[in-house]
């Protein structure tokens, strides 16, 4: 089953929200964040300009998390960014 962009945004929302709330995550979650963002960007079908502009930031976050010595610290350091990204995803998903 192929996920459409809306489904992918929901999964991305869930992953980021969970990491933000728990202040922890796994390398596999970071890899999944990267794959989802890559797929969404490749489809070039995000109508929300704000979200389209922050997708590379979310990808970079996933990439840095994948390589981080201390993933929990990486997540904690990005709390404000995650909150903004989740908000943008939520707005896009409800449009």
PDB file of N, CA and C in Angstrom:
ATOM      1  N   UNK A   1       0.845  -1.187   0.000  1.00  0.00           N
ATOM      2  CA  UNK A   1       0.000   0.000   0.000  1.00  0.00           C
ATOM      3  C   UNK A   1       0.884   1.242   0.000  1.00  0.00           C
ATOM      4  N   UNK A   2       0.647   2.117  -0.945  1.00  0.00           N
ATOM      5  CA  UNK A   2       1.394   3.356  -1.050  1.00  0.00           C
ATOM      6  C   UNK A   2       0.682   4.444  -0.247  1.00  0.00           C
ATOM      7  N   UNK A   3       1.467   5.199   0.494  1.00  0.00           N
ATOM      8  CA  UNK A   3       0.903   6.303   1.267  1.00  0.00           C
ATOM      9  C   UNK A   3       0.858   7.554   0.407  1.00  0.00           C
ATOM     10  N   UNK A   4      -0.262   8.266   0.451  1.00  0.00           N
ATOM     11  CA  UNK A   4      -0.304   9.546  -0.241  1.00  0.00           C
ATOM     12  C   UNK A   4       0.334  10.612   0.655  1.00  0.00           C
ATOM     13  N   UNK A   5       0.462  11.811   0.153  1.00  0.00           N
ATOM     14  CA  UNK A   5       1.148  12.871   0.895  1.00  0.00           C
ATOM     15  C   UNK A   5       0.448  13.153   2.218  1.00  0.00           C
ATOM     16  N   UNK A   6      -0.872  13.121   2.222  1.00  0.00           N
ATOM     17  CA  UNK A   6      -1.605  13.377   3.464  1.00  0.00           C
ATOM     18  C   UNK A   6      -1.293  12.317   4.513  1.00  0.00           C
ATOM     19  N   UNK A   7      -1.245  11.047   4.084  1.00  0.00           N
ATOM     20  CA  UNK A   7      -0.885   9.958   4.997  1.00  0.00           C
ATOM     21  C   UNK A   7       0.533  10.155   5.523  1.00  0.00           C
ATOM     22  N   UNK A   8       1.439  10.531   4.635  1.00  0.00           N
ATOM     23  CA  UNK A   8       2.828  10.748   5.030  1.00  0.00           C
ATOM     24  C   UNK A   8       2.945  11.893   6.031  1.00  0.00           C
ATOM     25  N   UNK A   9       2.164  12.947   5.816  1.00  0.00           N
ATOM     26  CA  UNK A   9       2.179  14.077   6.754  1.00  0.00           C
ATOM     27  C   UNK A   9       1.684  13.640   8.131  1.00  0.00           C
ATOM     28  N   UNK A  10       0.684  12.769   8.157  1.00  0.00           N
ATOM     29  CA  UNK A  10       0.176  12.266   9.445  1.00  0.00           C
ATOM     30  C   UNK A  10       1.243  11.448  10.177  1.00  0.00           C
ATOM     31  N   UNK A  11       1.957  10.603   9.446  1.00  0.00           N
ATOM     32  CA  UNK A  11       3.022   9.803  10.064  1.00  0.00           C
ATOM     33  C   UNK A  11       4.139  10.723  10.553  1.00  0.00           C
ATOM     34  N   UNK A  12       4.506  11.698   9.743  1.00  0.00           N
ATOM     35  CA  UNK A  12       5.546  12.653  10.131  1.00  0.00           C
ATOM     36  C   UNK A  12       5.123  13.427  11.377  1.00  0.00           C
ATOM     37  N   UNK A  13       3.883  13.861  11.399  1.00  0.00           N
ATOM     38  CA  UNK A  13       3.319  14.563  12.564  1.00  0.00           C
ATOM     39  C   UNK A  13       3.434  13.691  13.811  1.00  0.00           C
ATOM     40  N   UNK A  14       3.038  12.436  13.683  1.00  0.00           N
ATOM     41  CA  UNK A  14       3.085  11.516  14.825  1.00  0.00           C
ATOM     42  C   UNK A  14       4.513  11.308  15.324  1.00  0.00           C
ATOM     43  N   UNK A  15       5.444  11.101  14.406  1.00  0.00           N
ATOM     44  CA  UNK A  15       6.842  10.879  14.802  1.00  0.00           C
ATOM     45  C   UNK A  15       7.415  12.099  15.525  1.00  0.00           C
ATOM     46  N   UNK A  16       7.206  13.272  14.947  1.00  0.00           N
ATOM     47  CA  UNK A  16       7.753  14.492  15.556  1.00  0.00           C
ATOM     48  C   UNK A  16       7.087  14.797  16.895  1.00  0.00           C
ATOM     49  N   UNK A  17       5.781  14.613  16.972  1.00  0.00           N
ATOM     50  CA  UNK A  17       5.061  14.867  18.219  1.00  0.00           C
ATOM     51  C   UNK A  17       5.538  13.926  19.315  1.00  0.00           C
ATOM     52  N   UNK A  18       5.682  12.663  18.973  1.00  0.00           N
ATOM     53  CA  UNK A  18       6.135  11.673  19.952  1.00  0.00           C
ATOM     54  C   UNK A  18       7.546  12.004  20.451  1.00  0.00           C
ATOM     55  N   UNK A  19       8.443  12.350  19.536  1.00  0.00           N
ATOM     56  CA  UNK A  19       9.801  12.699  19.957  1.00  0.00           C
ATOM     57  C   UNK A  19       9.785  13.940  20.843  1.00  0.00           C
ATOM     58  N   UNK A  20       8.973  14.906  20.484  1.00  0.00           N
ATOM     59  CA  UNK A  20       8.902  16.146  21.254  1.00  0.00           C
ATOM     60  C   UNK A  20       8.341  15.906  22.657  1.00  0.00           C
ATOM     61  N   UNK A  21       7.279  15.140  22.743  1.00  0.00           N
ATOM     62  CA  UNK A  21       6.637  14.894  24.040  1.00  0.00           C
ATOM     63  C   UNK A  21       7.498  14.024  24.949  1.00  0.00           C
ATOM     64  N   UNK A  22       8.144  13.022  24.358  1.00  0.00           N
ATOM     65  CA  UNK A  22       8.955  12.094  25.150  1.00  0.00           C
ATOM     66  C   UNK A  22      10.389  12.560  25.347  1.00  0.00           C
ATOM     67  N   UNK A  23      10.804  13.559  24.565  1.00  0.00           N
ATOM     68  CA  UNK A  23      12.199  14.040  24.565  1.00  0.00           C
ATOM     69  C   UNK A  23      13.179  12.893  24.335  1.00  0.00           C
ATOM     70  N   UNK A  24      12.756  11.919  23.552  1.00  0.00           N
ATOM     71  CA  UNK A  24      13.643  10.822  23.175  1.00  0.00           C
ATOM     72  C   UNK A  24      13.115  10.214  21.881  1.00  0.00           C
ATOM     73  N   UNK A  25      13.965   9.428  21.267  1.00  0.00           N
ATOM     74  CA  UNK A  25      13.585   8.786  20.017  1.00  0.00           C
ATOM     75  C   UNK A  25      14.624   7.755  19.642  1.00  0.00           C
ATOM     76  N   UNK A  26      14.507   7.227  18.442  1.00  0.00           N
ATOM     77  CA  UNK A  26      15.452   6.213  17.981  1.00  0.00           C
ATOM     78  C   UNK A  26      16.041   6.628  16.639  1.00  0.00           C
ATOM     79  N   UNK A  27      17.160   6.014  16.315  1.00  0.00           N
ATOM     80  CA  UNK A  27      17.803   6.284  15.033  1.00  0.00           C
ATOM     81  C   UNK A  27      16.863   5.883  13.898  1.00  0.00           C
ATOM     82  N   UNK A  28      16.153   4.785  14.061  1.00  0.00           N
ATOM     83  CA  UNK A  28      15.232   4.349  13.007  1.00  0.00           C
ATOM     84  C   UNK A  28      14.106   5.370  12.789  1.00  0.00           C
ATOM     85  N   UNK A  29      13.669   6.042  13.851  1.00  0.00           N
ATOM     86  CA  UNK A  29      12.665   7.100  13.689  1.00  0.00           C
ATOM     87  C   UNK A  29      13.246   8.256  12.885  1.00  0.00           C
ATOM     88  N   UNK A  30      14.482   8.606  13.168  1.00  0.00           N
ATOM     89  CA  UNK A  30      15.134   9.689  12.413  1.00  0.00           C
ATOM     90  C   UNK A  30      15.287   9.310  10.946  1.00  0.00           C
ATOM     91  N   UNK A  31      15.625   8.063  10.684  1.00  0.00           N
ATOM     92  CA  UNK A  31      15.737   7.588   9.309  1.00  0.00           C
ATOM     93  C   UNK A  31      14.378   7.628   8.621  1.00  0.00           C
ATOM     94  N   UNK A  32      13.334   7.266   9.348  1.00  0.00           N
ATOM     95  CA  UNK A  32      11.989   7.302   8.779  1.00  0.00           C
ATOM     96  C   UNK A  32      11.566   8.741   8.484  1.00  0.00           C
ATOM     97  N   UNK A  33      11.887   9.665   9.373  1.00  0.00           N
ATOM     98  CA  UNK A  33      11.596  11.085   9.144  1.00  0.00           C
ATOM     99  C   UNK A  33      12.254  11.529   7.840  1.00  0.00           C
ATOM    100  N   UNK A  34      13.527  11.178   7.664  1.00  0.00           N
ATOM    101  CA  UNK A  34      14.243  11.540   6.433  1.00  0.00           C
ATOM    102  C   UNK A  34      13.552  10.966   5.192  1.00  0.00           C
ATOM    103  N   UNK A  35      13.200   9.674   5.236  1.00  0.00           N
ATOM    104  CA  UNK A  35      12.580   9.019   4.074  1.00  0.00           C
ATOM    105  C   UNK A  35      11.232   9.652   3.724  1.00  0.00           C
ATOM    106  N   UNK A  36      10.446   9.938   4.742  1.00  0.00           N
ATOM    107  CA  UNK A  36       9.130  10.547   4.505  1.00  0.00           C
ATOM    108  C   UNK A  36       9.294  11.922   3.873  1.00  0.00           C
ATOM    109  N   UNK A  37      10.185  12.730   4.431  1.00  0.00           N
ATOM    110  CA  UNK A  37      10.388  14.081   3.903  1.00  0.00           C
ATOM    111  C   UNK A  37      10.910  14.023   2.466  1.00  0.00           C
ATOM    112  N   UNK A  38      11.842  13.132   2.207  1.00  0.00           N
ATOM    113  CA  UNK A  38      12.363  12.972   0.845  1.00  0.00           C
ATOM    114  C   UNK A  38      11.233  12.630  -0.121  1.00  0.00           C
ATOM    115  N   UNK A  39      10.385  11.717   0.269  1.00  0.00           N
ATOM    116  CA  UNK A  39       9.282  11.301  -0.582  1.00  0.00           C
ATOM    117  C   UNK A  39       8.310  12.449  -0.835  1.00  0.00           C
ATOM    118  N   UNK A  40       7.979  13.191   0.207  1.00  0.00           N
ATOM    119  CA  UNK A  40       7.052  14.324   0.057  1.00  0.00           C
ATOM    120  C   UNK A  40       7.659  15.370  -0.873  1.00  0.00           C
ATOM    121  N   UNK A  41       8.937  15.676  -0.681  1.00  0.00           N
ATOM    122  CA  UNK A  41       9.591  16.686  -1.529  1.00  0.00           C
ATOM    123  C   UNK A  41       9.671  16.210  -2.978  1.00  0.00           C
ATOM    124  N   UNK A  42       9.914  14.922  -3.198  1.00  0.00           N
ATOM    125  CA  UNK A  42      10.014  14.381  -4.552  1.00  0.00           C
ATOM    126  C   UNK A  42       8.682  14.481  -5.298  1.00  0.00           C
ATOM    127  N   UNK A  43       7.584  14.330  -4.557  1.00  0.00           N
ATOM    128  CA  UNK A  43       6.256  14.416  -5.178  1.00  0.00           C
ATOM    129  C   UNK A  43       5.878  15.862  -5.486  1.00  0.00           C
ATOM    130  N   UNK A  44       6.528  16.803  -4.799  1.00  0.00           N
ATOM    131  CA  UNK A  44       6.320  18.229  -5.026  1.00  0.00           C
ATOM    132  C   UNK A  44       4.835  18.596  -5.020  1.00  0.00           C
ATOM    133  N   UNK A  45       4.103  18.049  -4.052  1.00  0.00           N
ATOM    134  CA  UNK A  45       2.658  18.281  -4.040  1.00  0.00           C
ATOM    135  C   UNK A  45       2.157  18.910  -2.740  1.00  0.00           C
ATOM    136  N   UNK A  46       3.051  19.591  -2.027  1.00  0.00           N
ATOM    137  CA  UNK A  46       2.638  20.289  -0.813  1.00  0.00           C
ATOM    138  C   UNK A  46       2.177  21.684  -1.210  1.00  0.00           C
ATOM    139  N   UNK A  47       0.925  21.995  -0.896  1.00  0.00           N
ATOM    140  CA  UNK A  47       0.349  23.283  -1.296  1.00  0.00           C
ATOM    141  C   UNK A  47       0.698  24.407  -0.332  1.00  0.00           C
ATOM    142  N   UNK A  48       1.035  24.064   0.891  1.00  0.00           N
ATOM    143  CA  UNK A  48       1.351  25.068   1.899  1.00  0.00           C
ATOM    144  C   UNK A  48       2.809  25.500   1.730  1.00  0.00           C
ATOM    145  N   UNK A  49       3.017  26.767   1.373  1.00  0.00           N
ATOM    146  CA  UNK A  49       4.367  27.280   1.122  1.00  0.00           C
ATOM    147  C   UNK A  49       5.258  27.212   2.358  1.00  0.00           C
ATOM    148  N   UNK A  50       4.679  27.504   3.517  1.00  0.00           N
ATOM    149  CA  UNK A  50       5.460  27.448   4.752  1.00  0.00           C
ATOM    150  C   UNK A  50       6.003  26.037   4.971  1.00  0.00           C
ATOM    151  N   UNK A  51       5.137  25.052   4.814  1.00  0.00           N
ATOM    152  CA  UNK A  51       5.570  23.669   5.001  1.00  0.00           C
ATOM    153  C   UNK A  51       6.600  23.280   3.943  1.00  0.00           C
ATOM    154  N   UNK A  52       6.376  23.682   2.706  1.00  0.00           N
ATOM    155  CA  UNK A  52       7.321  23.365   1.635  1.00  0.00           C
ATOM    156  C   UNK A  52       8.705  23.925   1.951  1.00  0.00           C
ATOM    157  N   UNK A  53       8.748  25.088   2.583  1.00  0.00           N
ATOM    158  CA  UNK A  53      10.023  25.714   2.922  1.00  0.00           C
ATOM    159  C   UNK A  53      10.715  25.052   4.110  1.00  0.00           C
ATOM    160  N   UNK A  54       9.944  24.469   5.030  1.00  0.00           N
ATOM    161  CA  UNK A  54      10.581  23.870   6.211  1.00  0.00           C
ATOM    162  C   UNK A  54      10.880  22.387   6.048  1.00  0.00           C
ATOM    163  N   UNK A  55      10.384  21.763   4.988  1.00  0.00           N
ATOM    164  CA  UNK A  55      10.680  20.341   4.786  1.00  0.00           C
ATOM    165  C   UNK A  55      12.187  20.051   4.773  1.00  0.00           C
ATOM    166  N   UNK A  56      13.006  20.892   4.110  1.00  0.00           N
ATOM    167  CA  UNK A  56      14.456  20.641   4.175  1.00  0.00           C
ATOM    168  C   UNK A  56      15.010  20.722   5.606  1.00  0.00           C
ATOM    169  N   UNK A  57      14.448  21.600   6.424  1.00  0.00           N
ATOM    170  CA  UNK A  57      14.874  21.698   7.829  1.00  0.00           C
ATOM    171  C   UNK A  57      14.543  20.407   8.578  1.00  0.00           C
ATOM    172  N   UNK A  58      13.348  19.865   8.315  1.00  0.00           N
ATOM    173  CA  UNK A  58      12.940  18.628   8.972  1.00  0.00           C
ATOM    174  C   UNK A  58      13.842  17.479   8.510  1.00  0.00           C
ATOM    175  N   UNK A  59      14.168  17.473   7.223  1.00  0.00           N
ATOM    176  CA  UNK A  59      15.085  16.448   6.704  1.00  0.00           C
ATOM    177  C   UNK A  59      16.430  16.555   7.419  1.00  0.00           C
ATOM    178  N   UNK A  60      16.935  17.772   7.541  1.00  0.00           N
ATOM    179  CA  UNK A  60      18.231  18.007   8.196  1.00  0.00           C
ATOM    180  C   UNK A  60      18.183  17.549   9.658  1.00  0.00           C
ATOM    181  N   UNK A  61      17.056  17.806  10.314  1.00  0.00           N
ATOM    182  CA  UNK A  61      16.859  17.355  11.695  1.00  0.00           C
ATOM    183  C   UNK A  61      16.966  15.831  11.776  1.00  0.00           C
ATOM    184  N   UNK A  62      16.297  15.139  10.858  1.00  0.00           N
ATOM    185  CA  UNK A  62      16.359  13.680  10.827  1.00  0.00           C
ATOM    186  C   UNK A  62      17.777  13.190  10.569  1.00  0.00           C
ATOM    187  N   UNK A  63      18.457  13.850   9.657  1.00  0.00           N
ATOM    188  CA  UNK A  63      19.843  13.472   9.322  1.00  0.00           C
ATOM    189  C   UNK A  63      20.765  13.689  10.517  1.00  0.00           C
ATOM    190  N   UNK A  64      20.641  14.826  11.175  1.00  0.00           N
ATOM    191  CA  UNK A  64      21.468  15.105  12.351  1.00  0.00           C
ATOM    192  C   UNK A  64      21.151  14.111  13.477  1.00  0.00           C
ATOM    193  N   UNK A  65      19.891  13.778  13.638  1.00  0.00           N
ATOM    194  CA  UNK A  65      19.490  12.817  14.663  1.00  0.00           C
ATOM    195  C   UNK A  65      20.070  11.446  14.405  1.00  0.00           C
ATOM    196  N   UNK A  66      20.125  11.081  13.143  1.00  0.00           N
ATOM    197  CA  UNK A  66      20.675   9.782  12.751  1.00  0.00           C
ATOM    198  C   UNK A  66      22.162   9.683  13.133  1.00  0.00           C
ATOM    199  N   UNK A  67      22.863  10.813  13.098  1.00  0.00           N
ATOM    200  CA  UNK A  67      24.305  10.838  13.356  1.00  0.00           C
ATOM    201  C   UNK A  67      24.665  11.310  14.767  1.00  0.00           C
ATOM    202  N   UNK A  68      23.673  11.734  15.533  1.00  0.00           N
ATOM    203  CA  UNK A  68      23.926  12.336  16.844  1.00  0.00           C
ATOM    204  C   UNK A  68      24.550  11.348  17.826  1.00  0.00           C
ATOM    205  N   UNK A  69      25.514  11.849  18.591  1.00  0.00           N
ATOM    206  CA  UNK A  69      26.092  11.058  19.671  1.00  0.00           C
ATOM    207  C   UNK A  69      25.063  10.842  20.779  1.00  0.00           C
ATOM    208  N   UNK A  70      24.258  11.897  21.019  1.00  0.00           N
ATOM    209  CA  UNK A  70      23.228  11.837  22.054  1.00  0.00           C
ATOM    210  C   UNK A  70      21.903  12.292  21.441  1.00  0.00           C
ATOM    211  N   UNK A  71      21.094  11.338  21.022  1.00  0.00           N
ATOM    212  CA  UNK A  71      19.846  11.651  20.321  1.00  0.00           C
ATOM    213  C   UNK A  71      18.865  12.419  21.202  1.00  0.00           C
ATOM    214  N   UNK A  72      18.774  12.059  22.475  1.00  0.00           N
ATOM    215  CA  UNK A  72      17.852  12.755  23.380  1.00  0.00           C
ATOM    216  C   UNK A  72      18.211  14.237  23.487  1.00  0.00           C
ATOM    217  N   UNK A  73      19.499  14.524  23.540  1.00  0.00           N
ATOM    218  CA  UNK A  73      19.967  15.912  23.603  1.00  0.00           C
ATOM    219  C   UNK A  73      19.626  16.648  22.306  1.00  0.00           C
ATOM    220  N   UNK A  74      19.788  15.958  21.175  1.00  0.00           N
ATOM    221  CA  UNK A  74      19.445  16.529  19.867  1.00  0.00           C
ATOM    222  C   UNK A  74      17.959  16.898  19.820  1.00  0.00           C
ATOM    223  N   UNK A  75      17.123  16.012  20.311  1.00  0.00           N
ATOM    224  CA  UNK A  75      15.680  16.267  20.331  1.00  0.00           C
ATOM    225  C   UNK A  75      15.360  17.435  21.256  1.00  0.00           C
ATOM    226  N   UNK A  76      15.952  17.446  22.430  1.00  0.00           N
ATOM    227  CA  UNK A  76      15.719  18.539  23.384  1.00  0.00           C
ATOM    228  C   UNK A  76      16.143  19.887  22.811  1.00  0.00           C
ATOM    229  N   UNK A  77      17.265  19.899  22.113  1.00  0.00           N
ATOM    230  CA  UNK A  77      17.783  21.141  21.535  1.00  0.00           C
ATOM    231  C   UNK A  77      16.892  21.665  20.416  1.00  0.00           C
ATOM    232  N   UNK A  78      16.071  20.797  19.841  1.00  0.00           N
ATOM    233  CA  UNK A  78      15.217  21.191  18.712  1.00  0.00           C
ATOM    234  C   UNK A  78      13.741  21.305  19.082  1.00  0.00           C
ATOM    235  N   UNK A  79      13.433  21.373  20.365  1.00  0.00           N
ATOM    236  CA  UNK A  79      12.039  21.414  20.810  1.00  0.00           C
ATOM    237  C   UNK A  79      11.234  22.532  20.135  1.00  0.00           C
ATOM    238  N   UNK A  80      11.800  23.716  20.081  1.00  0.00           N
ATOM    239  CA  UNK A  80      11.076  24.852  19.492  1.00  0.00           C
ATOM    240  C   UNK A  80      10.845  24.629  17.997  1.00  0.00           C
ATOM    241  N   UNK A  81      11.870  24.129  17.308  1.00  0.00           N
ATOM    242  CA  UNK A  81      11.718  23.823  15.883  1.00  0.00           C
ATOM    243  C   UNK A  81      10.635  22.773  15.673  1.00  0.00           C
ATOM    244  N   UNK A  82      10.680  21.713  16.452  1.00  0.00           N
ATOM    245  CA  UNK A  82       9.698  20.627  16.312  1.00  0.00           C
ATOM    246  C   UNK A  82       8.291  21.172  16.511  1.00  0.00           C
ATOM    247  N   UNK A  83       8.118  22.022  17.508  1.00  0.00           N
ATOM    248  CA  UNK A  83       6.802  22.608  17.772  1.00  0.00           C
ATOM    249  C   UNK A  83       6.308  23.392  16.549  1.00  0.00           C
ATOM    250  N   UNK A  84       7.182  24.178  15.936  1.00  0.00           N
ATOM    251  CA  UNK A  84       6.807  24.951  14.742  1.00  0.00           C
ATOM    252  C   UNK A  84       6.490  24.037  13.557  1.00  0.00           C
ATOM    253  N   UNK A  85       7.290  22.983  13.381  1.00  0.00           N
ATOM    254  CA  UNK A  85       7.066  22.056  12.268  1.00  0.00           C
ATOM    255  C   UNK A  85       5.742  21.330  12.431  1.00  0.00           C
ATOM    256  N   UNK A  86       5.465  20.879  13.642  1.00  0.00           N
ATOM    257  CA  UNK A  86       4.217  20.154  13.909  1.00  0.00           C
ATOM    258  C   UNK A  86       3.026  21.070  13.641  1.00  0.00           C
ATOM    259  N   UNK A  87       3.154  22.318  14.027  1.00  0.00           N
ATOM    260  CA  UNK A  87       2.086  23.291  13.796  1.00  0.00           C
ATOM    261  C   UNK A  87       1.836  23.469  12.288  1.00  0.00           C
ATOM    262  N   UNK A  88       2.904  23.592  11.511  1.00  0.00           N
ATOM    263  CA  UNK A  88       2.774  23.755  10.061  1.00  0.00           C
ATOM    264  C   UNK A  88       2.164  22.511   9.422  1.00  0.00           C
ATOM    265  N   UNK A  89       2.567  21.337   9.895  1.00  0.00           N
ATOM    266  CA  UNK A  89       2.003  20.087   9.364  1.00  0.00           C
ATOM    267  C   UNK A  89       0.518  20.003   9.705  1.00  0.00           C
ATOM    268  N   UNK A  90       0.174  20.371  10.921  1.00  0.00           N
ATOM    269  CA  UNK A  90      -1.219  20.326  11.364  1.00  0.00           C
ATOM    270  C   UNK A  90      -2.087  21.251  10.514  1.00  0.00           C
ATOM    271  N   UNK A  91      -1.607  22.450  10.254  1.00  0.00           N
ATOM    272  CA  UNK A  91      -2.359  23.408   9.430  1.00  0.00           C
ATOM    273  C   UNK A  91      -2.551  22.854   8.023  1.00  0.00           C
ATOM    274  N   UNK A  92      -1.506  22.275   7.464  1.00  0.00           N
ATOM    275  CA  UNK A  92      -1.575  21.725   6.106  1.00  0.00           C
ATOM    276  C   UNK A  92      -2.528  20.535   6.049  1.00  0.00           C
ATOM    277  N   UNK A  93      -2.490  19.695   7.063  1.00  0.00           N
ATOM    278  CA  UNK A  93      -3.324  18.487   7.081  1.00  0.00           C
ATOM    279  C   UNK A  93      -4.804  18.808   7.197  1.00  0.00           C
ATOM    280  N   UNK A  94      -5.121  19.931   7.805  1.00  0.00           N
ATOM    281  CA  UNK A  94      -6.529  20.276   8.011  1.00  0.00           C
ATOM    282  C   UNK A  94      -7.087  21.145   6.889  1.00  0.00           C
ATOM    283  N   UNK A  95      -6.256  21.504   5.932  1.00  0.00           N
ATOM    284  CA  UNK A  95      -6.740  22.343   4.820  1.00  0.00           C
ATOM    285  C   UNK A  95      -7.472  21.510   3.796  1.00  0.00           C
TER     286      UNK A  95
END
